[in-house]
Amino acid sequence: MVELSDVTKYYGPKRALGPVSFEIEKGDAVGILGLNGVGKTTLLRILACGLRPSSGSVSIDGHDVLDNPHEVRKRVGYLPEVPPVYGDMTVRDYLAFVGRLKGMTAGAVAERMPVVEECTRIAEVRDMPARHLSQGYRQRVGVAQAIIHEPDLLIMDEPTHDLDPVQIVEMRAMIRALKDSHTILISSHILPEISQTCDRLLILDDGRIVASGSETELEARLFVSRRIRVTVRPGEKGVAAAHARIAGTSGVKKVEKIGADDGIAEEPGSATFRVEGESDVRAEVCRALVEGGHDVITLTRAERQLERVFVGLVAGGSN
């Protein structure tokens, strides 16, 4: 669906992007993750035919963005960071206007409209002028204009920008639903945005792709050890015995007891340990504790994987 080869973008002598090369297959949901100012929006605007690259080649579904931009635009839906809505138009008139701009007939727009309204949950504001919409509804209308023409590729730049927590959850659910019918490319500097909506990551730093792959693949590539957190009720055998059971488990490299000083709120009679292993040792640690007579209350990864991957790749390298 998407193929970039050695793409760069310069503003005068300043390099904003590149060289960047990657491919996205049809049906993929890919997240571009990076700090502010590393070139995410520049990259998306090039893919949406809003900017010309300084060098390199870009094709969408086999069509070059420079040689055949009109064919590319038919296949791409783009939601910029600020939703492109006209305040004096009602939502329905605006979507009809966008549909016609994208080459749809009036009949095709009328047929498509109920589907888009249901998908983005904007039916109740369809006759309202856009200037009266809340930020949440403006963002939904922004998604609606991006999918009105049934694009093969849906590009979204910071889709939860300025949304409140409830609206963020709703937007994520909408994106997951759209994955069934579109190839999706999302940019964000917010880690849960990418982790909860995308299957593959492209991590951008200083205008270049510094890593790509699934969250699990990147975590395994960057961090040889894995950390977990386990809380137990040691019972009569005591905390030292539980510690010894964990330390003696195959694959465990390091064990340390943690508590209130580490932000842990423990139940009375319980003990929490941070465990570092050569691989994922959750099953082995749980088995060792239960066989040793210790009740396991919780056993989870100690840190969000994506956060560790991201910090490991871009710490000290952002601009």
C-alpha atoms as a PDB file:
ATOM      1  CA  MET A   1       0.000   0.000   0.000  1.00  0.00           C
ATOM      2  CA  VAL A   2       2.785   2.462   0.929  1.00  0.00           C
ATOM      3  CA  GLU A   3       6.361   2.433  -0.318  1.00  0.00           C
ATOM      4  CA  LEU A   4       8.983   5.077   0.455  1.00  0.00           C
ATOM      5  CA  SER A   5      12.553   4.996  -0.777  1.00  0.00           C
ATOM      6  CA  ASP A   6      15.207   7.466   0.455  1.00  0.00           C
ATOM      7  CA  VAL A   7      12.694  10.275   0.986  1.00  0.00           C
ATOM      8  CA  THR A   8      14.011  13.595   2.269  1.00  0.00           C
ATOM      9  CA  LYS A   9      12.512  17.021   2.880  1.00  0.00           C
ATOM     10  CA  TYR A  10      14.554  20.194   3.266  1.00  0.00           C
ATOM     11  CA  TYR A  11      13.408  23.712   4.109  1.00  0.00           C
ATOM     12  CA  GLY A  12      16.290  25.679   2.688  1.00  0.00           C
ATOM     13  CA  PRO A  13      19.436  24.226   4.263  1.00  0.00           C
ATOM     14  CA  LYS A  14      17.519  22.652   7.171  1.00  0.00           C
ATOM     15  CA  ARG A  15      16.767  18.944   6.918  1.00  0.00           C
ATOM     16  CA  ALA A  16      13.296  18.236   8.313  1.00  0.00           C
ATOM     17  CA  LEU A  17      13.053  14.608   7.222  1.00  0.00           C
ATOM     18  CA  GLY A  18      15.088  11.759   5.908  1.00  0.00           C
ATOM     19  CA  PRO A  19      16.384   9.856   4.355  1.00  0.00           C
ATOM     20  CA  VAL A  20      13.399   7.620   5.152  1.00  0.00           C
ATOM     21  CA  SER A  21      12.547   4.259   3.602  1.00  0.00           C
ATOM     22  CA  PHE A  22       9.788   1.824   4.617  1.00  0.00           C
ATOM     23  CA  GLU A  23       6.834  -0.178   3.330  1.00  0.00           C
ATOM     24  CA  ILE A  24       3.316  -0.715   4.681  1.00  0.00           C
ATOM     25  CA  GLU A  25       1.220  -3.649   3.512  1.00  0.00           C
ATOM     26  CA  LYS A  26      -2.510  -3.477   2.856  1.00  0.00           C
ATOM     27  CA  GLY A  27      -4.528  -3.972   6.036  1.00  0.00           C
ATOM     28  CA  ASP A  28      -1.701  -2.994   8.397  1.00  0.00           C
ATOM     29  CA  ALA A  29      -2.137  -0.538  11.267  1.00  0.00           C
ATOM     30  CA  VAL A  30       1.169   1.272  11.708  1.00  0.00           C
ATOM     31  CA  GLY A  31       2.119   3.908  14.242  1.00  0.00           C
ATOM     32  CA  ILE A  32       4.791   6.556  13.791  1.00  0.00           C
ATOM     33  CA  LEU A  33       6.108   7.395  17.226  1.00  0.00           C
ATOM     34  CA  GLY A  34       8.394  10.299  17.981  1.00  0.00           C
ATOM     35  CA  LEU A  35       8.887  13.417  20.054  1.00  0.00           C
ATOM     36  CA  ASN A  36       7.583  16.775  18.862  1.00  0.00           C
ATOM     37  CA  GLY A  37       9.645  18.270  16.046  1.00  0.00           C
ATOM     38  CA  VAL A  38      11.221  15.086  14.660  1.00  0.00           C
ATOM     39  CA  GLY A  39       9.406  15.126  11.293  1.00  0.00           C
ATOM     40  CA  LYS A  40       6.195  13.138  11.860  1.00  0.00           C
ATOM     41  CA  THR A  41       3.817  15.713  10.377  1.00  0.00           C
ATOM     42  CA  THR A  42       6.170  16.406   7.467  1.00  0.00           C
ATOM     43  CA  LEU A  43       6.180  12.716   6.619  1.00  0.00           C
ATOM     44  CA  LEU A  44       2.399  12.424   6.757  1.00  0.00           C
ATOM     45  CA  ARG A  45       1.880  15.532   4.614  1.00  0.00           C
ATOM     46  CA  ILE A  46       4.154  14.076   1.953  1.00  0.00           C
ATOM     47  CA  LEU A  47       2.122  10.851   1.952  1.00  0.00           C
ATOM     48  CA  ALA A  48      -1.122  12.847   1.691  1.00  0.00           C
ATOM     49  CA  CYS A  49       0.236  14.899  -1.274  1.00  0.00           C
ATOM     50  CA  GLY A  50       0.312  18.060   0.814  1.00  0.00           C
ATOM     51  CA  LEU A  51       4.091  18.478   0.481  1.00  0.00           C
ATOM     52  CA  ARG A  52       6.550  17.558  -2.232  1.00  0.00           C
ATOM     53  CA  PRO A  53       9.582  15.593  -1.042  1.00  0.00           C
ATOM     54  CA  SER A  54      12.964  17.117  -1.792  1.00  0.00           C
ATOM     55  CA  SER A  55      14.232  13.766  -3.040  1.00  0.00           C
ATOM     56  CA  GLY A  56      13.338  10.102  -3.075  1.00  0.00           C
ATOM     57  CA  SER A  57      10.217   8.279  -4.263  1.00  0.00           C
ATOM     58  CA  VAL A  58       6.810   7.748  -2.659  1.00  0.00           C
ATOM     59  CA  SER A  59       4.045   5.521  -4.002  1.00  0.00           C
ATOM     60  CA  ILE A  60       0.581   4.757  -2.644  1.00  0.00           C
ATOM     61  CA  ASP A  61      -1.080   1.612  -3.974  1.00  0.00           C
ATOM     62  CA  GLY A  62       1.329   1.684  -6.916  1.00  0.00           C
ATOM     63  CA  HIS A  63       0.787   5.375  -7.793  1.00  0.00           C
ATOM     64  CA  ASP A  64       3.636   7.866  -7.480  1.00  0.00           C
ATOM     65  CA  VAL A  65       2.736  10.945  -5.411  1.00  0.00           C
ATOM     66  CA  LEU A  66       4.583  13.256  -7.804  1.00  0.00           C
ATOM     67  CA  ASP A  67       3.574  11.726 -11.121  1.00  0.00           C
ATOM     68  CA  ASN A  68      -0.042  10.963 -10.264  1.00  0.00           C
ATOM     69  CA  PRO A  69      -1.187  12.909  -7.181  1.00  0.00           C
ATOM     70  CA  HIS A  70      -4.877  12.871  -8.172  1.00  0.00           C
ATOM     71  CA  GLU A  71      -4.948   9.058  -8.132  1.00  0.00           C
ATOM     72  CA  VAL A  72      -3.143   9.071  -4.793  1.00  0.00           C
ATOM     73  CA  ARG A  73      -5.653  11.486  -3.237  1.00  0.00           C
ATOM     74  CA  LYS A  74      -8.512   9.182  -4.268  1.00  0.00           C
ATOM     75  CA  ARG A  75      -6.933   6.441  -2.185  1.00  0.00           C
ATOM     76  CA  VAL A  76      -5.936   8.482   0.866  1.00  0.00           C
ATOM     77  CA  GLY A  77      -7.967   9.942   3.712  1.00  0.00           C
ATOM     78  CA  TYR A  78      -6.090  12.466   5.842  1.00  0.00           C
ATOM     79  CA  LEU A  79      -6.887  13.825   9.291  1.00  0.00           C
ATOM     80  CA  PRO A  80      -4.429  16.601  10.182  1.00  0.00           C
ATOM     81  CA  GLU A  81      -3.755  17.550  13.794  1.00  0.00           C
ATOM     82  CA  VAL A  82      -6.310  20.376  13.564  1.00  0.00           C
ATOM     83  CA  PRO A  83      -9.565  19.062  11.985  1.00  0.00           C
ATOM     84  CA  PRO A  84     -10.280  20.886   8.689  1.00  0.00           C
ATOM     85  CA  VAL A  85     -13.904  21.925   9.240  1.00  0.00           C
ATOM     86  CA  TYR A  86     -15.715  25.049   8.014  1.00  0.00           C
ATOM     87  CA  GLY A  87     -17.548  26.731  10.880  1.00  0.00           C
ATOM     88  CA  ASP A  88     -20.444  28.129   8.850  1.00  0.00           C
ATOM     89  CA  MET A  89     -21.342  24.793   7.250  1.00  0.00           C
ATOM     90  CA  THR A  90     -23.524  22.187   8.908  1.00  0.00           C
ATOM     91  CA  VAL A  91     -21.808  18.852   9.432  1.00  0.00           C
ATOM     92  CA  ARG A  92     -23.836  17.149   6.703  1.00  0.00           C
ATOM     93  CA  ASP A  93     -23.251  19.943   4.160  1.00  0.00           C
ATOM     94  CA  TYR A  94     -19.565  19.941   4.950  1.00  0.00           C
ATOM     95  CA  LEU A  95     -19.214  16.179   4.454  1.00  0.00           C
ATOM     96  CA  ALA A  96     -21.179  16.387   1.187  1.00  0.00           C
ATOM     97  CA  PHE A  97     -18.859  19.193   0.051  1.00  0.00           C
ATOM     98  CA  VAL A  98     -15.756  17.135   0.902  1.00  0.00           C
ATOM     99  CA  GLY A  99     -17.186  14.092  -0.871  1.00  0.00           C
ATOM    100  CA  ARG A 100     -17.745  16.080  -4.067  1.00  0.00           C
ATOM    101  CA  LEU A 101     -14.217  17.516  -3.830  1.00  0.00           C
ATOM    102  CA  LYS A 102     -12.934  13.953  -3.714  1.00  0.00           C
ATOM    103  CA  GLY A 103     -14.752  13.064  -6.933  1.00  0.00           C
ATOM    104  CA  MET A 104     -17.880  11.406  -5.545  1.00  0.00           C
ATOM    105  CA  THR A 105     -21.240  11.866  -7.237  1.00  0.00           C
ATOM    106  CA  ALA A 106     -24.122  13.334  -5.263  1.00  0.00           C
ATOM    107  CA  GLY A 107     -25.754   9.896  -5.215  1.00  0.00           C
ATOM    108  CA  ALA A 108     -22.600   8.232  -3.910  1.00  0.00           C
ATOM    109  CA  VAL A 109     -22.299  10.841  -1.159  1.00  0.00           C
ATOM    110  CA  ALA A 110     -25.940  10.327  -0.102  1.00  0.00           C
ATOM    111  CA  GLU A 111     -25.424   6.552   0.010  1.00  0.00           C
ATOM    112  CA  ARG A 112     -22.196   6.806   1.958  1.00  0.00           C
ATOM    113  CA  MET A 113     -23.353   9.436   4.464  1.00  0.00           C
ATOM    114  CA  PRO A 114     -25.359   7.159   6.865  1.00  0.00           C
ATOM    115  CA  VAL A 115     -22.456   4.706   7.074  1.00  0.00           C
ATOM    116  CA  VAL A 116     -19.984   7.450   7.945  1.00  0.00           C
ATOM    117  CA  GLU A 117     -22.342   9.045  10.472  1.00  0.00           C
ATOM    118  CA  GLU A 118     -22.831   5.724  12.244  1.00  0.00           C
ATOM    119  CA  CYS A 119     -19.137   4.842  12.207  1.00  0.00           C
ATOM    120  CA  THR A 120     -18.068   8.187  13.675  1.00  0.00           C
ATOM    121  CA  ARG A 121     -21.180   8.668  15.850  1.00  0.00           C
ATOM    122  CA  ILE A 122     -22.010  12.152  14.567  1.00  0.00           C
ATOM    123  CA  ALA A 123     -25.650  11.613  13.512  1.00  0.00           C
ATOM    124  CA  GLU A 124     -26.984  13.734  16.381  1.00  0.00           C
ATOM    125  CA  VAL A 125     -25.000  16.791  15.231  1.00  0.00           C
ATOM    126  CA  ARG A 126     -25.455  16.342  11.466  1.00  0.00           C
ATOM    127  CA  ASP A 127     -27.531  19.550  11.147  1.00  0.00           C
ATOM    128  CA  MET A 128     -25.424  21.659  13.502  1.00  0.00           C
ATOM    129  CA  PRO A 129     -23.001  24.333  12.215  1.00  0.00           C
ATOM    130  CA  ALA A 130     -19.451  23.125  12.769  1.00  0.00           C
ATOM    131  CA  ARG A 131     -18.545  26.228  14.814  1.00  0.00           C
ATOM    132  CA  HIS A 132     -20.888  25.018  17.581  1.00  0.00           C
ATOM    133  CA  LEU A 133     -19.285  21.577  17.898  1.00  0.00           C
ATOM    134  CA  SER A 134     -17.289  20.491  20.929  1.00  0.00           C
ATOM    135  CA  GLN A 135     -13.673  19.500  20.361  1.00  0.00           C
ATOM    136  CA  GLY A 136     -14.639  15.840  20.555  1.00  0.00           C
ATOM    137  CA  TYR A 137     -17.258  16.187  17.834  1.00  0.00           C
ATOM    138  CA  ARG A 138     -14.935  18.315  15.691  1.00  0.00           C
ATOM    139  CA  GLN A 139     -12.404  15.501  15.813  1.00  0.00           C
ATOM    140  CA  ARG A 140     -15.061  12.939  14.873  1.00  0.00           C
ATOM    141  CA  VAL A 141     -16.136  15.100  11.939  1.00  0.00           C
ATOM    142  CA  GLY A 142     -12.461  15.280  10.976  1.00  0.00           C
ATOM    143  CA  VAL A 143     -12.377  11.477  10.839  1.00  0.00           C
ATOM    144  CA  ALA A 144     -15.653  11.466   8.891  1.00  0.00           C
ATOM    145  CA  GLN A 145     -14.258  13.752   6.170  1.00  0.00           C
ATOM    146  CA  ALA A 146     -11.188  11.523   5.929  1.00  0.00           C
ATOM    147  CA  ILE A 147     -13.237   8.367   5.275  1.00  0.00           C
ATOM    148  CA  ILE A 148     -16.212   9.759   3.318  1.00  0.00           C
ATOM    149  CA  HIS A 149     -14.749   8.513   0.000  1.00  0.00           C
ATOM    150  CA  GLU A 150     -13.821   5.053   1.379  1.00  0.00           C
ATOM    151  CA  PRO A 151     -10.036   5.486   1.076  1.00  0.00           C
ATOM    152  CA  ASP A 152      -7.717   2.506   1.104  1.00  0.00           C
ATOM    153  CA  LEU A 153      -5.231   4.359   3.323  1.00  0.00           C
ATOM    154  CA  LEU A 154      -6.276   6.400   6.350  1.00  0.00           C
ATOM    155  CA  ILE A 155      -3.634   8.801   7.728  1.00  0.00           C
ATOM    156  CA  MET A 156      -4.166  10.463  11.119  1.00  0.00           C
ATOM    157  CA  ASP A 157      -1.867  13.022  12.708  1.00  0.00           C
ATOM    158  CA  GLU A 158      -2.200  13.093  16.520  1.00  0.00           C
ATOM    159  CA  PRO A 159      -5.862  11.938  16.415  1.00  0.00           C
ATOM    160  CA  THR A 160      -6.490  12.532  20.140  1.00  0.00           C
ATOM    161  CA  HIS A 161      -5.040  16.062  20.186  1.00  0.00           C
ATOM    162  CA  ASP A 162      -6.843  18.248  22.770  1.00  0.00           C
ATOM    163  CA  LEU A 163      -9.387  15.536  23.681  1.00  0.00           C
ATOM    164  CA  ASP A 164     -10.454  14.789  27.253  1.00  0.00           C
ATOM    165  CA  PRO A 165      -9.933  11.292  28.751  1.00  0.00           C
ATOM    166  CA  VAL A 166     -13.404  10.016  27.798  1.00  0.00           C
ATOM    167  CA  GLN A 167     -13.067  11.316  24.252  1.00  0.00           C
ATOM    168  CA  ILE A 168      -9.622   9.717  23.962  1.00  0.00           C
ATOM    169  CA  VAL A 169     -11.051   6.304  24.840  1.00  0.00           C
ATOM    170  CA  GLU A 170     -13.849   6.788  22.293  1.00  0.00           C
ATOM    171  CA  MET A 171     -11.371   7.827  19.580  1.00  0.00           C
ATOM    172  CA  ARG A 172      -9.197   4.782  20.210  1.00  0.00           C
ATOM    173  CA  ALA A 173     -12.234   2.524  19.914  1.00  0.00           C
ATOM    174  CA  MET A 174     -13.173   4.206  16.635  1.00  0.00           C
ATOM    175  CA  ILE A 175      -9.669   3.703  15.240  1.00  0.00           C
ATOM    176  CA  ARG A 176      -9.688   0.022  16.172  1.00  0.00           C
ATOM    177  CA  ALA A 177     -13.027  -0.377  14.363  1.00  0.00           C
ATOM    178  CA  LEU A 178     -11.652   1.354  11.255  1.00  0.00           C
ATOM    179  CA  LYS A 179      -8.786  -1.148  11.067  1.00  0.00           C
ATOM    180  CA  ASP A 180     -11.197  -3.692   9.563  1.00  0.00           C
ATOM    181  CA  SER A 181     -11.687  -1.659   6.383  1.00  0.00           C
ATOM    182  CA  HIS A 182      -8.620   0.585   5.986  1.00  0.00           C
ATOM    183  CA  THR A 183      -4.858   0.477   6.066  1.00  0.00           C
ATOM    184  CA  ILE A 184      -4.056   2.910   8.885  1.00  0.00           C
ATOM    185  CA  LEU A 185      -1.073   5.131   9.583  1.00  0.00           C
ATOM    186  CA  ILE A 186      -1.088   7.158  12.811  1.00  0.00           C
ATOM    187  CA  SER A 187       1.475   9.568  14.201  1.00  0.00           C
ATOM    188  CA  SER A 188       1.719  10.396  17.881  1.00  0.00           C
ATOM    189  CA  HIS A 189       4.121  11.256  20.675  1.00  0.00           C
ATOM    190  CA  ILE A 190       1.701   9.685  23.187  1.00  0.00           C
ATOM    191  CA  LEU A 191       2.769   6.115  23.932  1.00  0.00           C
ATOM    192  CA  PRO A 192      -0.633   4.520  24.735  1.00  0.00           C
ATOM    193  CA  GLU A 193      -1.989   5.944  21.469  1.00  0.00           C
ATOM    194  CA  ILE A 194       0.308   3.732  19.450  1.00  0.00           C
ATOM    195  CA  SER A 195       0.373   0.769  21.813  1.00  0.00           C
ATOM    196  CA  GLN A 196      -3.421   0.391  21.926  1.00  0.00           C
ATOM    197  CA  THR A 197      -4.230   0.983  18.260  1.00  0.00           C
ATOM    198  CA  CYS A 198      -1.320  -0.195  16.096  1.00  0.00           C
ATOM    199  CA  ASP A 199       0.245  -3.536  15.177  1.00  0.00           C
ATOM    200  CA  ARG A 200       3.627  -2.201  14.072  1.00  0.00           C
ATOM    201  CA  LEU A 201       5.776   0.767  15.082  1.00  0.00           C
ATOM    202  CA  LEU A 202       8.066   3.113  13.211  1.00  0.00           C
ATOM    203  CA  ILE A 203      10.097   5.152  15.677  1.00  0.00           C
ATOM    204  CA  LEU A 204      11.225   8.480  14.250  1.00  0.00           C
ATOM    205  CA  ASP A 205      14.052  10.541  15.685  1.00  0.00           C
ATOM    206  CA  ASP A 206      15.805  13.522  14.097  1.00  0.00           C
ATOM    207  CA  GLY A 207      13.926  12.922  10.852  1.00  0.00           C
ATOM    208  CA  ARG A 208      15.010   9.302  10.479  1.00  0.00           C
ATOM    209  CA  ILE A 209      13.482   5.909  11.234  1.00  0.00           C
ATOM    210  CA  VAL A 210      15.618   4.546  14.069  1.00  0.00           C
ATOM    211  CA  ALA A 211      13.665   1.316  14.611  1.00  0.00           C
ATOM    212  CA  SER A 212      10.661  -0.582  13.273  1.00  0.00           C
ATOM    213  CA  GLY A 213       8.719  -3.673  14.252  1.00  0.00           C
ATOM    214  CA  SER A 214       6.083  -4.773  16.736  1.00  0.00           C
ATOM    215  CA  GLU A 215       6.299  -3.634  20.329  1.00  0.00           C
ATOM    216  CA  THR A 216       7.410  -7.110  21.397  1.00  0.00           C
ATOM    217  CA  GLU A 217      10.054  -7.327  18.676  1.00  0.00           C
ATOM    218  CA  LEU A 218      11.544  -3.960  19.577  1.00  0.00           C
ATOM    219  CA  GLU A 219      11.543  -4.730  23.276  1.00  0.00           C
ATOM    220  CA  ALA A 220      13.300  -8.053  22.683  1.00  0.00           C
ATOM    221  CA  ARG A 221      15.859  -6.415  20.389  1.00  0.00           C
ATOM    222  CA  LEU A 222      16.731  -3.594  22.781  1.00  0.00           C
ATOM    223  CA  PHE A 223      16.504  -5.254  26.170  1.00  0.00           C
ATOM    224  CA  VAL A 224      18.075  -8.642  26.787  1.00  0.00           C
ATOM    225  CA  SER A 225      16.472  -8.937  30.203  1.00  0.00           C
ATOM    226  CA  ARG A 226      12.789  -8.739  31.113  1.00  0.00           C
ATOM    227  CA  ARG A 227      11.369  -7.258  34.288  1.00  0.00           C
ATOM    228  CA  ILE A 228       8.301  -8.411  36.140  1.00  0.00           C
ATOM    229  CA  ARG A 229       6.671  -7.488  39.429  1.00  0.00           C
ATOM    230  CA  VAL A 230       5.219 -10.140  41.721  1.00  0.00           C
ATOM    231  CA  THR A 231       3.268  -9.705  44.958  1.00  0.00           C
ATOM    232  CA  VAL A 232       2.910 -12.676  47.321  1.00  0.00           C
ATOM    233  CA  ARG A 233       1.606 -13.608  50.761  1.00  0.00           C
ATOM    234  CA  PRO A 234       4.667 -15.354  52.211  1.00  0.00           C
ATOM    235  CA  GLY A 235       2.733 -16.866  55.124  1.00  0.00           C
ATOM    236  CA  GLU A 236       4.641 -18.697  57.839  1.00  0.00           C
ATOM    237  CA  LYS A 237       7.708 -19.257  55.661  1.00  0.00           C
ATOM    238  CA  GLY A 238       8.373 -15.526  55.518  1.00  0.00           C
ATOM    239  CA  VAL A 239       9.619 -12.961  53.042  1.00  0.00           C
ATOM    240  CA  ALA A 240      13.172 -14.333  52.971  1.00  0.00           C
ATOM    241  CA  ALA A 241      11.915 -17.742  51.852  1.00  0.00           C
ATOM    242  CA  ALA A 242       9.845 -16.206  49.074  1.00  0.00           C
ATOM    243  CA  HIS A 243      12.856 -14.176  47.961  1.00  0.00           C
ATOM    244  CA  ALA A 244      14.977 -17.324  47.889  1.00  0.00           C
ATOM    245  CA  ARG A 245      12.387 -19.223  45.801  1.00  0.00           C
ATOM    246  CA  ILE A 246      12.365 -16.465  43.186  1.00  0.00           C
ATOM    247  CA  ALA A 247      16.164 -16.083  43.166  1.00  0.00           C
ATOM    248  CA  GLY A 248      16.559 -19.817  42.647  1.00  0.00           C
ATOM    249  CA  THR A 249      14.263 -19.917  39.626  1.00  0.00           C
ATOM    250  CA  SER A 250      15.923 -20.755  36.316  1.00  0.00           C
ATOM    251  CA  GLY A 251      16.363 -17.651  34.151  1.00  0.00           C
ATOM    252  CA  VAL A 252      16.141 -15.133  37.008  1.00  0.00           C
ATOM    253  CA  LYS A 253      19.081 -12.712  37.094  1.00  0.00           C
ATOM    254  CA  LYS A 254      18.122 -10.377  39.927  1.00  0.00           C
ATOM    255  CA  VAL A 255      15.479 -10.055  42.669  1.00  0.00           C
ATOM    256  CA  GLU A 256      14.812  -7.121  44.954  1.00  0.00           C
ATOM    257  CA  LYS A 257      12.027  -6.426  47.425  1.00  0.00           C
ATOM    258  CA  ILE A 258      10.228  -3.149  46.824  1.00  0.00           C
ATOM    259  CA  GLY A 259       7.686  -1.260  48.890  1.00  0.00           C
ATOM    260  CA  ALA A 260       6.278   2.135  49.818  1.00  0.00           C
ATOM    261  CA  ASP A 261       9.475   3.979  48.874  1.00  0.00           C
ATOM    262  CA  ASP A 262       8.983   2.673  45.315  1.00  0.00           C
ATOM    263  CA  GLY A 263       5.361   3.782  45.166  1.00  0.00           C
ATOM    264  CA  ILE A 264       3.969   0.331  46.015  1.00  0.00           C
ATOM    265  CA  ALA A 265       0.854   0.130  48.205  1.00  0.00           C
ATOM    266  CA  GLU A 266       1.044  -3.343  49.724  1.00  0.00           C
ATOM    267  CA  GLU A 267      -1.725  -5.262  51.429  1.00  0.00           C
ATOM    268  CA  PRO A 268      -1.039  -6.229  55.044  1.00  0.00           C
ATOM    269  CA  GLY A 269       0.956  -9.453  55.155  1.00  0.00           C
ATOM    270  CA  SER A 270       2.090  -9.219  51.525  1.00  0.00           C
ATOM    271  CA  ALA A 271       5.470  -8.587  49.910  1.00  0.00           C
ATOM    272  CA  THR A 272       6.302  -7.274  46.429  1.00  0.00           C
ATOM    273  CA  PHE A 273       9.429  -8.116  44.431  1.00  0.00           C
ATOM    274  CA  ARG A 274      10.919  -6.712  41.247  1.00  0.00           C
ATOM    275  CA  VAL A 275      12.384  -9.553  39.208  1.00  0.00           C
ATOM    276  CA  GLU A 276      14.781  -9.300  36.283  1.00  0.00           C
ATOM    277  CA  GLY A 277      15.082 -12.294  33.994  1.00  0.00           C
ATOM    278  CA  GLU A 278      16.966 -13.338  30.904  1.00  0.00           C
ATOM    279  CA  SER A 279      13.592 -13.830  29.205  1.00  0.00           C
ATOM    280  CA  ASP A 280       9.917 -13.757  30.208  1.00  0.00           C
ATOM    281  CA  VAL A 281      10.041 -15.734  33.483  1.00  0.00           C
ATOM    282  CA  ARG A 282       6.491 -15.072  34.702  1.00  0.00           C
ATOM    283  CA  ALA A 283       5.356 -18.698  34.433  1.00  0.00           C
ATOM    284  CA  GLU A 284       8.506 -20.085  36.064  1.00  0.00           C
ATOM    285  CA  VAL A 285       8.402 -17.611  38.977  1.00  0.00           C
ATOM    286  CA  CYS A 286       4.726 -18.252  39.624  1.00  0.00           C
ATOM    287  CA  ARG A 287       5.262 -22.014  39.617  1.00  0.00           C
ATOM    288  CA  ALA A 288       8.251 -21.778  41.983  1.00  0.00           C
ATOM    289  CA  LEU A 289       6.347 -19.633  44.484  1.00  0.00           C
ATOM    290  CA  VAL A 290       3.231 -21.808  44.512  1.00  0.00           C
ATOM    291  CA  GLU A 291       5.287 -24.981  44.895  1.00  0.00           C
ATOM    292  CA  GLY A 292       7.093 -23.282  47.793  1.00  0.00           C
ATOM    293  CA  GLY A 293       3.810 -22.614  49.590  1.00  0.00           C
ATOM    294  CA  HIS A 294       3.544 -18.901  48.840  1.00  0.00           C
ATOM    295  CA  ASP A 295       0.278 -17.375  47.588  1.00  0.00           C
ATOM    296  CA  VAL A 296       0.732 -15.283  44.427  1.00  0.00           C
ATOM    297  CA  ILE A 297      -1.545 -12.214  44.494  1.00  0.00           C
ATOM    298  CA  THR A 298      -0.378 -10.403  41.337  1.00  0.00           C
ATOM    299  CA  LEU A 299       2.252 -10.991  38.694  1.00  0.00           C
ATOM    300  CA  THR A 300       2.741  -8.392  35.952  1.00  0.00           C
ATOM    301  CA  ARG A 301       5.367  -6.781  33.791  1.00  0.00           C
ATOM    302  CA  ALA A 302       7.164  -4.205  35.913  1.00  0.00           C
ATOM    303  CA  GLU A 303       7.093  -1.465  33.268  1.00  0.00           C
ATOM    304  CA  ARG A 304       5.181  -0.694  30.119  1.00  0.00           C
ATOM    305  CA  GLN A 305       7.247  -2.187  27.299  1.00  0.00           C
ATOM    306  CA  LEU A 306       6.715   0.624  24.816  1.00  0.00           C
ATOM    307  CA  GLU A 307       7.892   3.255  27.262  1.00  0.00           C
ATOM    308  CA  ARG A 308      11.185   1.436  27.752  1.00  0.00           C
ATOM    309  CA  VAL A 309      11.649   0.946  24.015  1.00  0.00           C
ATOM    310  CA  PHE A 310      10.913   4.578  23.239  1.00  0.00           C
ATOM    311  CA  VAL A 311      13.200   6.012  25.912  1.00  0.00           C
ATOM    312  CA  GLY A 312      15.929   3.570  24.967  1.00  0.00           C
ATOM    313  CA  LEU A 313      15.841   4.728  21.353  1.00  0.00           C
ATOM    314  CA  VAL A 314      15.385   8.502  21.568  1.00  0.00           C
ATOM    315  CA  ALA A 315      16.828   9.528  24.957  1.00  0.00           C
ATOM    316  CA  GLY A 316      19.202  12.355  24.317  1.00  0.00           C
ATOM    317  CA  GLY A 317      18.603  12.303  20.587  1.00  0.00           C
ATOM    318  CA  SER A 318      15.562  14.526  20.113  1.00  0.00           C
ATOM    319  CA  ASN A 319      15.591  18.013  18.651  1.00  0.00           C
END
